N, C-alpha and C. Protein backbone atom coordinates (compact mmCIF):
# COMPACT_ATOMS: atom_id res chain seq x y z
N MET A 1 -120.65 -48.62 -89.52
CA MET A 1 -120.14 -49.23 -88.36
C MET A 1 -121.83 -49.18 -87.70
N ALA A 2 -122.12 -49.99 -86.91
CA ALA A 2 -123.61 -49.81 -86.39
C ALA A 2 -123.58 -48.96 -84.92
N ARG A 3 -125.13 -48.41 -84.96
CA ARG A 3 -125.00 -47.52 -84.05
C ARG A 3 -124.57 -48.04 -82.28
N TYR A 4 -123.71 -47.39 -81.64
CA TYR A 4 -123.52 -47.67 -80.05
C TYR A 4 -124.70 -47.40 -79.38
N ASN A 5 -124.64 -49.42 -78.67
CA ASN A 5 -125.76 -49.69 -77.44
C ASN A 5 -125.09 -49.97 -76.58
N GLY A 6 -123.91 -49.26 -76.28
CA GLY A 6 -123.44 -49.50 -74.64
C GLY A 6 -123.62 -48.41 -73.84
N PRO A 7 -122.99 -48.80 -73.30
CA PRO A 7 -123.42 -47.91 -71.72
C PRO A 7 -123.25 -46.20 -71.97
N VAL A 8 -123.89 -45.75 -72.49
CA VAL A 8 -123.45 -44.09 -72.48
C VAL A 8 -123.20 -43.51 -71.82
N CYS A 9 -122.46 -43.39 -70.15
CA CYS A 9 -122.28 -42.45 -69.29
C CYS A 9 -120.44 -42.44 -70.00
N ARG A 10 -120.30 -43.90 -70.35
CA ARG A 10 -118.93 -44.58 -70.92
C ARG A 10 -118.63 -42.61 -71.76
N LEU A 11 -119.39 -42.32 -72.74
CA LEU A 11 -119.41 -41.55 -73.60
C LEU A 11 -118.85 -40.24 -73.08
N CYS A 12 -119.94 -39.94 -72.13
CA CYS A 12 -120.09 -38.61 -71.38
C CYS A 12 -118.43 -38.73 -70.93
N ARG A 13 -117.52 -39.69 -70.23
CA ARG A 13 -116.45 -39.63 -69.33
C ARG A 13 -114.86 -39.58 -70.50
N ARG A 14 -115.83 -40.07 -71.78
CA ARG A 14 -114.85 -40.56 -72.68
C ARG A 14 -114.50 -38.94 -73.18
N GLU A 15 -115.29 -38.06 -73.69
CA GLU A 15 -115.13 -36.79 -73.53
C GLU A 15 -114.95 -36.00 -72.88
N GLY A 16 -115.27 -36.23 -71.05
CA GLY A 16 -114.78 -35.20 -70.61
C GLY A 16 -115.62 -34.05 -70.18
N MET A 17 -116.71 -34.51 -70.74
CA MET A 17 -117.97 -33.12 -70.24
C MET A 17 -119.51 -34.30 -70.46
N LYS A 18 -120.63 -33.27 -69.83
CA LYS A 18 -121.90 -33.99 -70.50
C LYS A 18 -122.28 -33.83 -71.61
N LEU A 19 -122.74 -34.93 -72.04
CA LEU A 19 -123.63 -35.44 -73.44
C LEU A 19 -125.00 -35.26 -73.38
N PHE A 20 -125.65 -35.33 -72.11
CA PHE A 20 -126.89 -35.58 -71.87
C PHE A 20 -127.35 -36.14 -72.98
N LEU A 21 -127.13 -37.62 -72.68
CA LEU A 21 -127.95 -38.50 -73.28
C LEU A 21 -128.33 -38.91 -72.17
N LYS A 22 -128.76 -39.74 -70.28
CA LYS A 22 -129.73 -39.96 -70.17
C LYS A 22 -130.95 -39.20 -69.37
N GLY A 23 -130.93 -38.01 -70.43
CA GLY A 23 -132.19 -37.04 -69.35
C GLY A 23 -131.89 -36.42 -68.26
N GLU A 24 -132.83 -36.91 -67.50
CA GLU A 24 -132.80 -35.87 -66.27
C GLU A 24 -131.47 -36.64 -65.29
N ARG A 25 -131.09 -37.85 -65.41
CA ARG A 25 -129.96 -38.27 -64.86
C ARG A 25 -128.88 -37.22 -64.55
N CYS A 26 -128.71 -36.61 -65.51
CA CYS A 26 -127.33 -35.90 -66.09
C CYS A 26 -127.84 -34.66 -64.53
N TYR A 27 -128.85 -34.66 -64.74
CA TYR A 27 -128.79 -33.26 -64.08
C TYR A 27 -128.78 -33.62 -62.44
N THR A 28 -128.40 -35.14 -61.84
CA THR A 28 -128.19 -35.66 -60.73
C THR A 28 -127.04 -35.51 -60.28
N GLU A 29 -126.52 -35.94 -58.93
CA GLU A 29 -125.17 -36.47 -58.46
C GLU A 29 -125.18 -37.83 -58.60
N LYS A 30 -126.11 -38.62 -59.51
CA LYS A 30 -125.90 -39.94 -60.54
C LYS A 30 -125.11 -39.56 -61.48
N CYS A 31 -124.86 -38.77 -62.11
CA CYS A 31 -124.31 -38.56 -63.44
C CYS A 31 -122.84 -38.83 -63.30
N ALA A 32 -122.55 -39.98 -64.24
CA ALA A 32 -121.02 -40.30 -63.45
C ALA A 32 -120.17 -39.52 -63.95
N ILE A 33 -120.10 -38.22 -64.95
CA ILE A 33 -119.30 -36.53 -64.92
C ILE A 33 -119.14 -36.27 -62.97
N GLU A 34 -119.86 -36.35 -62.43
CA GLU A 34 -120.23 -36.04 -60.72
C GLU A 34 -119.22 -36.40 -60.65
N LYS A 35 -119.68 -38.11 -60.21
CA LYS A 35 -118.69 -39.24 -59.71
C LYS A 35 -117.41 -39.44 -60.48
N ARG A 36 -116.94 -40.00 -61.40
CA ARG A 36 -115.95 -39.94 -61.71
C ARG A 36 -115.19 -39.13 -63.02
N ASN A 37 -115.11 -37.92 -63.30
CA ASN A 37 -114.84 -37.82 -64.32
C ASN A 37 -113.63 -37.63 -65.15
N VAL A 38 -113.16 -39.07 -65.83
CA VAL A 38 -111.83 -39.49 -66.08
C VAL A 38 -112.31 -40.88 -67.03
N PRO A 39 -111.48 -40.60 -68.11
CA PRO A 39 -111.72 -41.75 -69.33
C PRO A 39 -112.07 -43.08 -69.12
N PRO A 40 -112.73 -43.62 -69.95
CA PRO A 40 -113.33 -44.84 -69.35
C PRO A 40 -111.92 -46.05 -69.42
N GLY A 41 -112.20 -46.78 -68.99
CA GLY A 41 -111.42 -48.40 -69.14
C GLY A 41 -109.98 -48.48 -68.77
N GLN A 42 -109.51 -49.48 -67.92
CA GLN A 42 -108.31 -49.52 -67.39
C GLN A 42 -107.36 -48.58 -66.94
N HIS A 43 -106.91 -48.35 -68.12
CA HIS A 43 -105.80 -47.04 -68.13
C HIS A 43 -106.25 -45.66 -68.03
N GLY A 44 -107.51 -45.63 -67.74
CA GLY A 44 -108.12 -44.04 -67.92
C GLY A 44 -107.69 -43.28 -67.13
N ARG A 45 -107.20 -43.48 -65.44
CA ARG A 45 -106.53 -42.40 -65.42
C ARG A 45 -105.49 -41.80 -65.06
N SER A 46 -104.74 -42.72 -65.97
CA SER A 46 -103.24 -42.56 -66.69
C SER A 46 -103.37 -42.43 -67.35
N ARG A 47 -104.25 -41.70 -68.20
CA ARG A 47 -104.26 -40.51 -69.91
C ARG A 47 -104.16 -39.19 -69.96
N LYS A 48 -103.33 -38.61 -69.23
CA LYS A 48 -102.80 -37.20 -69.17
C LYS A 48 -102.14 -36.74 -69.87
N ALA A 49 -101.87 -37.16 -71.16
CA ALA A 49 -101.07 -36.55 -72.55
C ALA A 49 -101.97 -35.61 -72.95
N LYS A 50 -101.08 -34.60 -73.04
CA LYS A 50 -101.88 -33.03 -73.96
C LYS A 50 -101.73 -33.39 -75.24
N MET A 51 -103.52 -33.20 -75.65
CA MET A 51 -103.65 -33.71 -76.94
C MET A 51 -103.46 -32.28 -77.78
N VAL A 52 -102.76 -32.77 -78.72
CA VAL A 52 -102.77 -31.66 -80.00
C VAL A 52 -103.01 -31.92 -81.15
N GLY A 53 -103.42 -31.19 -82.01
CA GLY A 53 -103.31 -31.02 -83.38
C GLY A 53 -104.72 -32.03 -84.21
N TYR A 54 -104.51 -33.01 -84.77
CA TYR A 54 -105.53 -34.11 -85.19
C TYR A 54 -106.59 -34.61 -83.81
N ALA A 55 -105.67 -34.81 -82.94
CA ALA A 55 -106.38 -35.52 -81.63
C ALA A 55 -107.57 -34.51 -81.02
N ILE A 56 -107.45 -33.30 -81.12
CA ILE A 56 -107.85 -32.15 -80.62
C ILE A 56 -109.61 -32.38 -81.55
N GLN A 57 -108.82 -32.00 -82.79
CA GLN A 57 -110.12 -32.07 -83.61
C GLN A 57 -111.10 -33.54 -83.95
N LEU A 58 -110.52 -33.83 -83.98
CA LEU A 58 -111.10 -35.78 -83.55
C LEU A 58 -111.98 -35.54 -83.26
N ARG A 59 -111.49 -35.12 -81.37
CA ARG A 59 -112.60 -35.17 -80.25
C ARG A 59 -113.32 -34.10 -80.17
N GLU A 60 -113.34 -33.02 -80.96
CA GLU A 60 -114.18 -32.16 -81.25
C GLU A 60 -115.54 -32.95 -81.99
N LYS A 61 -115.46 -33.59 -83.09
CA LYS A 61 -115.92 -33.88 -83.87
C LYS A 61 -116.89 -35.23 -83.23
N GLN A 62 -116.20 -35.86 -82.29
CA GLN A 62 -116.70 -37.21 -81.65
C GLN A 62 -117.37 -36.34 -81.05
N LYS A 63 -117.68 -35.69 -79.83
CA LYS A 63 -118.29 -35.16 -79.23
C LYS A 63 -120.00 -34.27 -79.87
N VAL A 64 -119.39 -33.90 -80.90
CA VAL A 64 -121.05 -33.45 -81.52
C VAL A 64 -121.73 -34.45 -82.37
N LYS A 65 -120.98 -35.56 -82.76
CA LYS A 65 -121.54 -36.62 -83.22
C LYS A 65 -122.74 -37.30 -82.23
N ARG A 66 -121.87 -37.30 -80.88
CA ARG A 66 -122.20 -38.07 -79.80
C ARG A 66 -123.23 -37.48 -79.27
N ILE A 67 -123.19 -36.10 -79.52
CA ILE A 67 -124.21 -35.58 -78.47
C ILE A 67 -126.35 -34.80 -79.77
N TYR A 68 -125.56 -35.44 -80.85
CA TYR A 68 -126.63 -35.18 -81.80
C TYR A 68 -127.32 -37.27 -82.57
N GLY A 69 -126.49 -38.07 -81.88
CA GLY A 69 -126.35 -39.01 -82.22
C GLY A 69 -126.38 -39.67 -83.39
N VAL A 70 -125.74 -39.34 -84.29
CA VAL A 70 -125.86 -39.38 -85.96
C VAL A 70 -124.19 -39.99 -85.78
N LEU A 71 -124.29 -40.80 -87.14
CA LEU A 71 -123.13 -41.87 -87.40
C LEU A 71 -122.23 -40.98 -87.90
N GLU A 72 -121.00 -41.88 -88.26
CA GLU A 72 -120.01 -41.10 -89.30
C GLU A 72 -120.67 -40.56 -90.83
N ASP A 73 -121.04 -41.39 -91.66
CA ASP A 73 -121.73 -41.29 -92.75
C ASP A 73 -122.39 -40.05 -92.77
N GLN A 74 -123.53 -40.15 -91.99
CA GLN A 74 -124.86 -39.17 -91.35
C GLN A 74 -123.92 -37.39 -92.07
N PHE A 75 -122.94 -38.03 -90.41
CA PHE A 75 -122.46 -36.39 -89.94
C PHE A 75 -121.48 -36.00 -91.38
N ARG A 76 -120.92 -36.60 -92.16
CA ARG A 76 -120.03 -36.43 -93.29
C ARG A 76 -121.15 -35.68 -94.63
N GLY A 77 -122.50 -36.38 -94.31
CA GLY A 77 -123.66 -35.61 -95.01
C GLY A 77 -123.43 -34.06 -94.45
N TYR A 78 -124.07 -34.18 -93.39
CA TYR A 78 -124.28 -32.42 -92.87
C TYR A 78 -122.67 -31.80 -92.70
N PHE A 79 -121.67 -32.47 -92.60
CA PHE A 79 -121.15 -31.25 -93.30
C PHE A 79 -121.00 -30.90 -94.81
N GLU A 80 -121.01 -31.90 -95.58
CA GLU A 80 -120.99 -31.76 -97.11
C GLU A 80 -121.76 -30.70 -97.52
N GLN A 81 -123.09 -30.81 -97.28
CA GLN A 81 -124.52 -29.77 -96.80
C GLN A 81 -124.19 -28.25 -96.53
N ALA A 82 -123.58 -28.08 -95.36
CA ALA A 82 -123.27 -27.20 -94.99
C ALA A 82 -122.11 -26.70 -95.25
N GLU A 83 -120.98 -27.48 -96.25
CA GLU A 83 -119.96 -26.54 -96.44
C GLU A 83 -120.68 -25.81 -98.12
N ARG A 84 -121.72 -26.31 -98.80
CA ARG A 84 -122.03 -25.91 -100.25
C ARG A 84 -123.00 -25.36 -99.40
N THR A 85 -123.56 -24.91 -98.75
CA THR A 85 -124.58 -23.67 -98.16
C THR A 85 -123.64 -22.04 -97.83
N ARG A 86 -124.35 -20.85 -98.07
CA ARG A 86 -123.16 -20.14 -98.23
C ARG A 86 -123.65 -19.77 -96.51
N GLY A 87 -122.59 -18.95 -95.80
CA GLY A 87 -122.03 -18.44 -94.57
C GLY A 87 -121.14 -19.01 -94.10
N ILE A 88 -120.62 -19.37 -92.52
CA ILE A 88 -119.71 -19.63 -92.03
C ILE A 88 -120.58 -21.55 -91.86
N THR A 89 -119.31 -22.37 -92.27
CA THR A 89 -119.71 -23.94 -92.44
C THR A 89 -120.00 -24.26 -91.03
N GLY A 90 -119.03 -23.96 -90.10
CA GLY A 90 -119.06 -25.12 -88.88
C GLY A 90 -120.49 -24.50 -88.24
N GLU A 91 -120.77 -23.06 -88.55
CA GLU A 91 -122.14 -22.57 -87.80
C GLU A 91 -123.40 -22.96 -88.02
N THR A 92 -123.23 -23.49 -89.91
CA THR A 92 -123.97 -23.88 -90.10
C THR A 92 -124.84 -25.39 -90.26
N LEU A 93 -123.62 -26.11 -89.91
CA LEU A 93 -123.34 -27.48 -89.49
C LEU A 93 -124.25 -28.07 -88.67
N LEU A 94 -123.94 -26.84 -87.42
CA LEU A 94 -124.64 -27.27 -86.09
C LEU A 94 -125.99 -26.73 -86.38
N GLN A 95 -126.52 -25.88 -87.00
CA GLN A 95 -127.96 -25.47 -87.43
C GLN A 95 -128.73 -26.61 -87.94
N LEU A 96 -128.07 -27.53 -88.92
CA LEU A 96 -128.64 -28.60 -89.38
C LEU A 96 -129.12 -29.51 -88.83
N LEU A 97 -127.39 -29.73 -87.78
CA LEU A 97 -127.94 -30.80 -87.06
C LEU A 97 -129.33 -30.37 -85.69
N GLU A 98 -129.13 -29.36 -85.31
CA GLU A 98 -130.44 -28.92 -84.72
C GLU A 98 -131.65 -28.80 -84.77
N ARG A 99 -131.64 -28.67 -86.41
CA ARG A 99 -133.40 -28.28 -87.25
C ARG A 99 -133.55 -29.89 -87.54
N ARG A 100 -132.90 -31.11 -86.52
CA ARG A 100 -133.85 -32.19 -87.08
C ARG A 100 -134.62 -32.52 -85.99
N LEU A 101 -135.86 -33.47 -86.46
CA LEU A 101 -137.19 -33.72 -85.76
C LEU A 101 -136.52 -33.71 -84.45
N ASP A 102 -135.79 -34.76 -84.56
CA ASP A 102 -135.60 -35.72 -83.02
C ASP A 102 -134.94 -34.85 -82.04
N ASN A 103 -134.04 -33.41 -82.16
CA ASN A 103 -133.64 -32.97 -81.82
C ASN A 103 -134.40 -31.81 -81.59
N ALA A 104 -135.47 -31.36 -82.17
CA ALA A 104 -136.20 -30.23 -81.87
C ALA A 104 -137.38 -30.69 -80.87
N VAL A 105 -138.22 -32.21 -81.02
CA VAL A 105 -138.81 -32.86 -80.16
C VAL A 105 -138.06 -32.10 -78.45
N TYR A 106 -137.06 -32.75 -78.75
CA TYR A 106 -135.82 -32.84 -77.74
C TYR A 106 -135.76 -31.41 -76.83
N ARG A 107 -135.59 -30.34 -77.37
CA ARG A 107 -135.39 -29.12 -77.07
C ARG A 107 -136.87 -28.40 -76.86
N LEU A 108 -138.12 -29.13 -77.25
CA LEU A 108 -139.57 -28.57 -76.97
C LEU A 108 -139.59 -28.72 -75.34
N GLY A 109 -139.21 -30.25 -74.95
CA GLY A 109 -139.69 -30.67 -74.09
C GLY A 109 -140.48 -31.68 -73.64
N PHE A 110 -140.57 -32.41 -75.13
CA PHE A 110 -141.30 -33.39 -75.27
C PHE A 110 -140.85 -35.16 -74.86
N ALA A 111 -139.28 -34.72 -74.80
CA ALA A 111 -138.33 -35.87 -74.29
C ALA A 111 -137.23 -35.36 -73.53
N THR A 112 -136.88 -35.97 -72.65
CA THR A 112 -135.81 -35.95 -72.11
C THR A 112 -134.31 -36.24 -72.30
N SER A 113 -134.14 -36.77 -73.22
CA SER A 113 -132.75 -36.48 -74.16
C SER A 113 -133.01 -36.88 -75.24
N ARG A 114 -131.98 -36.90 -76.27
CA ARG A 114 -132.36 -37.02 -77.54
C ARG A 114 -132.27 -38.46 -77.72
N PRO A 115 -131.69 -39.58 -77.05
CA PRO A 115 -132.28 -40.61 -77.62
C PRO A 115 -133.36 -41.10 -77.42
N GLN A 116 -134.39 -40.49 -76.09
CA GLN A 116 -135.44 -40.78 -76.18
C GLN A 116 -136.40 -39.99 -77.33
N ALA A 117 -136.04 -38.66 -77.87
CA ALA A 117 -136.84 -37.93 -78.93
C ALA A 117 -136.73 -39.20 -79.67
N ARG A 118 -135.78 -39.27 -80.68
CA ARG A 118 -135.22 -40.32 -81.40
C ARG A 118 -136.17 -41.47 -81.65
N GLN A 119 -136.27 -42.05 -80.34
CA GLN A 119 -137.26 -43.65 -80.73
C GLN A 119 -138.83 -43.08 -80.69
N LEU A 120 -139.17 -41.69 -79.72
CA LEU A 120 -140.66 -41.46 -79.64
C LEU A 120 -140.87 -41.22 -81.21
N VAL A 121 -140.25 -40.69 -82.39
CA VAL A 121 -140.44 -39.97 -83.66
C VAL A 121 -140.34 -41.56 -84.28
N ARG A 122 -139.27 -42.15 -83.81
CA ARG A 122 -139.38 -43.50 -84.37
C ARG A 122 -140.86 -44.11 -84.45
N HIS A 123 -141.66 -44.04 -83.46
CA HIS A 123 -142.33 -44.79 -83.38
C HIS A 123 -143.65 -43.82 -83.34
N GLY A 124 -143.65 -42.67 -84.62
CA GLY A 124 -144.69 -42.24 -85.13
C GLY A 124 -145.80 -41.18 -83.76
N HIS A 125 -144.76 -40.80 -82.86
CA HIS A 125 -145.82 -40.13 -81.98
C HIS A 125 -146.05 -38.34 -82.54
N PHE A 126 -145.26 -38.30 -83.25
CA PHE A 126 -145.71 -36.92 -83.70
C PHE A 126 -145.49 -36.18 -84.98
N LEU A 127 -146.59 -35.53 -85.08
CA LEU A 127 -146.67 -35.04 -86.86
C LEU A 127 -146.11 -33.36 -86.92
N VAL A 128 -145.64 -33.29 -88.12
CA VAL A 128 -145.49 -31.65 -88.41
C VAL A 128 -146.08 -31.39 -89.56
N ASN A 129 -146.87 -30.08 -88.75
CA ASN A 129 -147.92 -29.32 -89.88
C ASN A 129 -149.28 -30.39 -90.36
N GLY A 130 -149.42 -31.25 -89.11
CA GLY A 130 -150.64 -32.28 -89.19
C GLY A 130 -150.35 -33.34 -89.60
N LYS A 131 -148.99 -33.50 -90.48
CA LYS A 131 -148.98 -35.40 -90.70
C LYS A 131 -147.65 -35.87 -90.32
N LYS A 132 -147.99 -37.21 -89.72
CA LYS A 132 -147.16 -37.97 -89.12
C LYS A 132 -145.39 -38.33 -90.00
N VAL A 133 -144.87 -38.32 -89.25
CA VAL A 133 -143.66 -37.68 -89.85
C VAL A 133 -142.88 -39.26 -88.61
N ASP A 134 -141.76 -39.90 -88.83
CA ASP A 134 -141.50 -40.91 -88.11
C ASP A 134 -140.03 -41.21 -88.74
N ILE A 135 -139.38 -39.94 -89.02
CA ILE A 135 -137.56 -39.77 -89.22
C ILE A 135 -136.72 -39.10 -88.64
N PRO A 136 -136.14 -39.50 -87.84
CA PRO A 136 -135.27 -38.68 -86.94
C PRO A 136 -135.10 -37.66 -87.55
N SER A 137 -134.28 -37.58 -88.67
CA SER A 137 -133.33 -36.74 -89.03
C SER A 137 -133.75 -35.83 -90.11
N TYR A 138 -135.68 -36.22 -89.99
CA TYR A 138 -136.11 -34.72 -91.04
C TYR A 138 -136.13 -33.64 -90.97
N SER A 139 -136.00 -32.58 -91.63
CA SER A 139 -134.77 -31.32 -91.15
C SER A 139 -136.61 -30.59 -90.73
N VAL A 140 -136.82 -29.59 -89.59
CA VAL A 140 -137.99 -28.94 -89.84
C VAL A 140 -137.55 -27.34 -90.25
N LYS A 141 -138.34 -26.68 -90.44
CA LYS A 141 -137.94 -25.32 -91.49
C LYS A 141 -138.92 -24.62 -90.51
N VAL A 142 -138.60 -23.06 -91.04
CA VAL A 142 -139.22 -22.13 -90.36
C VAL A 142 -140.52 -21.95 -90.46
N GLY A 143 -141.42 -22.15 -89.37
CA GLY A 143 -142.68 -22.08 -89.03
C GLY A 143 -143.82 -23.00 -89.84
N ASP A 144 -142.77 -24.70 -89.56
CA ASP A 144 -143.29 -25.81 -89.19
C ASP A 144 -143.83 -25.88 -87.97
N VAL A 145 -144.78 -26.77 -87.43
CA VAL A 145 -145.53 -26.90 -85.82
C VAL A 145 -145.37 -28.44 -85.82
N VAL A 146 -145.02 -28.82 -84.66
CA VAL A 146 -144.69 -30.21 -84.11
C VAL A 146 -145.64 -30.10 -83.32
N THR A 147 -146.44 -31.16 -83.29
CA THR A 147 -147.58 -31.66 -82.44
C THR A 147 -147.85 -33.11 -82.09
N VAL A 148 -148.06 -33.07 -80.77
CA VAL A 148 -147.97 -34.60 -80.14
C VAL A 148 -148.88 -35.31 -80.66
N ARG A 149 -149.00 -36.32 -81.34
CA ARG A 149 -150.51 -36.91 -81.84
C ARG A 149 -151.51 -37.17 -80.91
N GLU A 150 -153.14 -36.69 -81.04
CA GLU A 150 -153.99 -37.30 -80.09
C GLU A 150 -153.90 -38.29 -79.70
N THR A 151 -153.46 -39.48 -80.24
CA THR A 151 -153.41 -40.81 -79.44
C THR A 151 -151.76 -41.03 -78.87
N SER A 152 -151.50 -40.42 -78.69
CA SER A 152 -150.23 -40.28 -78.02
C SER A 152 -149.81 -39.16 -76.47
N ARG A 153 -151.01 -38.17 -76.41
CA ARG A 153 -150.97 -37.13 -75.51
C ARG A 153 -151.32 -38.25 -74.10
N ALA A 154 -151.51 -39.50 -73.59
CA ALA A 154 -151.23 -39.82 -72.48
C ALA A 154 -150.06 -40.80 -72.51
N ASN A 155 -149.34 -40.52 -73.42
CA ASN A 155 -147.93 -41.41 -73.24
C ASN A 155 -147.07 -41.40 -72.15
N ALA A 156 -147.03 -42.07 -70.93
CA ALA A 156 -146.17 -42.14 -69.76
C ALA A 156 -144.79 -41.08 -70.10
N SER A 157 -144.34 -41.45 -71.28
CA SER A 157 -142.95 -40.84 -71.46
C SER A 157 -142.74 -39.24 -71.55
N ILE A 158 -143.78 -39.57 -72.43
CA ILE A 158 -143.86 -37.81 -72.42
C ILE A 158 -144.49 -36.83 -71.86
N LEU A 159 -145.47 -37.58 -71.42
CA LEU A 159 -146.02 -36.59 -69.94
C LEU A 159 -144.97 -36.57 -69.18
N HIS A 160 -144.17 -37.27 -69.08
CA HIS A 160 -143.05 -37.38 -68.07
C HIS A 160 -142.15 -36.24 -68.15
N ALA A 161 -141.87 -36.76 -69.43
CA ALA A 161 -140.62 -35.02 -70.24
C ALA A 161 -141.14 -33.95 -70.06
N VAL A 162 -142.67 -33.77 -70.12
CA VAL A 162 -143.26 -32.57 -69.91
C VAL A 162 -143.36 -32.00 -68.69
N GLU A 163 -143.24 -32.68 -67.71
CA GLU A 163 -143.24 -32.61 -66.61
C GLU A 163 -141.88 -31.87 -66.15
N GLU A 164 -140.91 -32.72 -66.71
CA GLU A 164 -139.74 -32.97 -66.28
C GLU A 164 -138.99 -31.29 -66.56
N VAL A 165 -139.20 -30.96 -67.47
CA VAL A 165 -138.12 -30.11 -68.02
C VAL A 165 -139.22 -28.60 -67.74
N LYS A 166 -140.25 -28.92 -67.42
CA LYS A 166 -140.74 -27.24 -67.16
C LYS A 166 -140.36 -26.13 -66.45
N GLY A 167 -139.40 -26.26 -65.99
CA GLY A 167 -138.19 -25.47 -65.40
C GLY A 167 -137.15 -25.00 -66.18
N ARG A 168 -136.60 -25.62 -67.47
CA ARG A 168 -135.84 -25.22 -67.99
C ARG A 168 -135.53 -24.66 -69.21
N GLY A 169 -136.93 -23.99 -69.92
CA GLY A 169 -137.28 -23.43 -70.85
C GLY A 169 -136.88 -24.18 -71.98
N ILE A 170 -137.07 -23.29 -73.50
CA ILE A 170 -136.95 -23.70 -74.81
C ILE A 170 -135.90 -22.47 -75.38
N PRO A 171 -135.33 -23.04 -76.22
CA PRO A 171 -134.51 -22.03 -76.95
C PRO A 171 -135.59 -21.21 -77.91
N GLU A 172 -135.03 -19.84 -78.15
CA GLU A 172 -135.96 -18.82 -78.56
C GLU A 172 -135.90 -19.11 -79.96
N TRP A 173 -135.12 -20.28 -80.64
CA TRP A 173 -135.88 -20.34 -81.91
C TRP A 173 -136.57 -21.34 -81.96
N LEU A 174 -137.51 -21.39 -80.70
CA LEU A 174 -138.68 -22.39 -80.91
C LEU A 174 -139.29 -21.79 -80.28
N SER A 175 -141.02 -22.10 -80.33
CA SER A 175 -142.20 -21.42 -79.08
C SER A 175 -143.02 -22.45 -78.80
N LEU A 176 -143.83 -22.78 -77.85
CA LEU A 176 -144.44 -23.57 -77.08
C LEU A 176 -146.12 -22.92 -77.57
N ALA A 177 -147.36 -23.52 -78.48
CA ALA A 177 -148.18 -23.21 -78.49
C ALA A 177 -149.49 -24.28 -77.58
N GLY A 178 -149.47 -24.19 -76.18
CA GLY A 178 -149.40 -25.37 -75.00
C GLY A 178 -149.03 -26.45 -75.11
N GLU A 179 -148.83 -27.04 -73.95
CA GLU A 179 -148.18 -27.88 -73.65
C GLU A 179 -147.90 -29.39 -74.31
N MET A 180 -148.82 -29.66 -75.82
CA MET A 180 -148.57 -30.48 -76.49
C MET A 180 -148.28 -30.16 -78.35
N GLU A 181 -147.73 -29.06 -78.28
CA GLU A 181 -147.34 -28.17 -79.94
C GLU A 181 -146.36 -27.35 -79.61
N GLY A 182 -145.96 -27.26 -80.69
CA GLY A 182 -144.34 -25.98 -80.86
C GLY A 182 -144.21 -26.06 -81.84
N ARG A 183 -143.95 -24.66 -82.14
CA ARG A 183 -143.29 -23.99 -83.67
C ARG A 183 -142.04 -23.58 -83.81
N ILE A 184 -141.51 -23.65 -85.44
CA ILE A 184 -140.36 -23.55 -85.20
C ILE A 184 -140.21 -22.09 -86.14
N VAL A 185 -140.10 -21.04 -85.22
CA VAL A 185 -139.73 -19.64 -85.30
C VAL A 185 -138.73 -18.79 -86.39
N SER A 186 -137.62 -19.38 -86.42
CA SER A 186 -136.50 -19.21 -86.81
C SER A 186 -134.88 -20.01 -86.76
N VAL A 187 -134.70 -19.75 -87.92
CA VAL A 187 -133.32 -20.70 -87.27
C VAL A 187 -132.40 -20.27 -86.20
N PRO A 188 -132.29 -21.37 -85.81
CA PRO A 188 -131.06 -21.15 -84.64
C PRO A 188 -129.82 -20.62 -84.86
N THR A 189 -129.33 -19.78 -83.84
CA THR A 189 -128.07 -18.51 -83.88
C THR A 189 -127.30 -19.52 -83.38
N ARG A 190 -126.00 -19.18 -83.74
CA ARG A 190 -124.69 -20.05 -83.06
C ARG A 190 -125.41 -19.56 -81.53
N GLU A 191 -125.64 -18.87 -80.84
CA GLU A 191 -125.54 -17.67 -79.03
C GLU A 191 -126.77 -19.04 -78.73
N GLN A 192 -128.13 -19.35 -79.61
CA GLN A 192 -128.86 -20.33 -79.48
C GLN A 192 -128.51 -21.61 -79.36
N ILE A 193 -127.73 -21.47 -79.64
CA ILE A 193 -127.37 -23.32 -79.85
C ILE A 193 -126.56 -23.42 -78.70
N ASN A 194 -126.67 -23.56 -77.51
CA ASN A 194 -126.03 -23.66 -76.10
C ASN A 194 -124.95 -25.18 -76.07
N LEU A 195 -123.97 -25.28 -76.87
CA LEU A 195 -123.44 -26.07 -76.68
C LEU A 195 -121.88 -25.92 -76.23
N PRO A 196 -120.90 -26.09 -75.57
CA PRO A 196 -119.70 -25.86 -75.44
C PRO A 196 -118.72 -27.00 -76.23
N VAL A 197 -118.71 -26.52 -77.85
CA VAL A 197 -118.45 -27.19 -78.54
C VAL A 197 -117.14 -26.09 -79.76
N GLN A 198 -116.22 -26.55 -80.50
CA GLN A 198 -115.44 -25.66 -81.10
C GLN A 198 -116.09 -26.29 -82.48
N GLU A 199 -116.86 -25.43 -83.31
CA GLU A 199 -116.84 -26.34 -84.33
C GLU A 199 -116.02 -25.99 -85.81
N GLN A 200 -115.06 -24.67 -85.33
CA GLN A 200 -114.28 -24.48 -86.70
C GLN A 200 -113.09 -25.32 -86.32
N LEU A 201 -112.92 -26.29 -85.62
CA LEU A 201 -112.33 -27.44 -85.19
C LEU A 201 -112.55 -28.92 -86.66
N ILE A 202 -113.77 -28.97 -86.27
CA ILE A 202 -114.25 -29.76 -87.33
C ILE A 202 -114.12 -29.80 -88.81
N VAL A 203 -114.42 -28.21 -88.92
CA VAL A 203 -114.19 -27.77 -90.32
C VAL A 203 -112.42 -28.02 -90.86
N GLU A 204 -111.97 -27.84 -90.08
CA GLU A 204 -110.14 -27.80 -90.24
C GLU A 204 -109.90 -29.54 -90.38
N LEU A 205 -110.73 -30.16 -89.61
CA LEU A 205 -109.99 -31.63 -89.58
C LEU A 205 -111.02 -32.09 -90.52
N TYR A 206 -112.30 -31.97 -91.60
CA TYR A 206 -112.36 -32.26 -92.59
C TYR A 206 -112.25 -31.64 -93.76
N SER A 207 -111.40 -30.40 -93.62
CA SER A 207 -110.57 -29.96 -94.82
C SER A 207 -109.17 -30.22 -95.16
N LYS A 208 -108.68 -31.35 -94.45
CA LYS A 208 -107.21 -31.63 -94.63
C LYS A 208 -107.38 -32.67 -95.89
């Protein structure tokens, strides 16, 4: 299945929560969830049946996939890697997703959304430990330094993002060393991954 290229606000409405796919718009009254928090489609308002079992687990998986912008095969790969790793599988899954380079760029405030961060990474605007990395799924490690390339520091999208997110702060597992450089200081803990998701439901879904 190809990557979804339709209106992203439909995804937020389908999940009934903000997935923060449109950057600063998600923080304003223009956000689709603020205006009409009902599932998309002709029968959206009539979808009031209570979800149980598999449906709840599936929605939780879809929610996390859409937040991080990964496809089904990628997501299953992350789950299988988490399952092989010592620790709590659900938490490890979220840690692997958080450590994607595009997510780190977003969390550091160099992009206003994860989709924008993914595009900026693909276009080669960032260095990891001094080397250009243009793979959004690249997994950053503790001690890695993510830097905006010298030739990209006047990029309008990056400058706008840096200005836009100044007041929001960054997670404790990251630190800024100036406006255009960030460092991975630790592996993110579950408390530092501020997502309203129940990762255990995803583990139950894949364990069937």
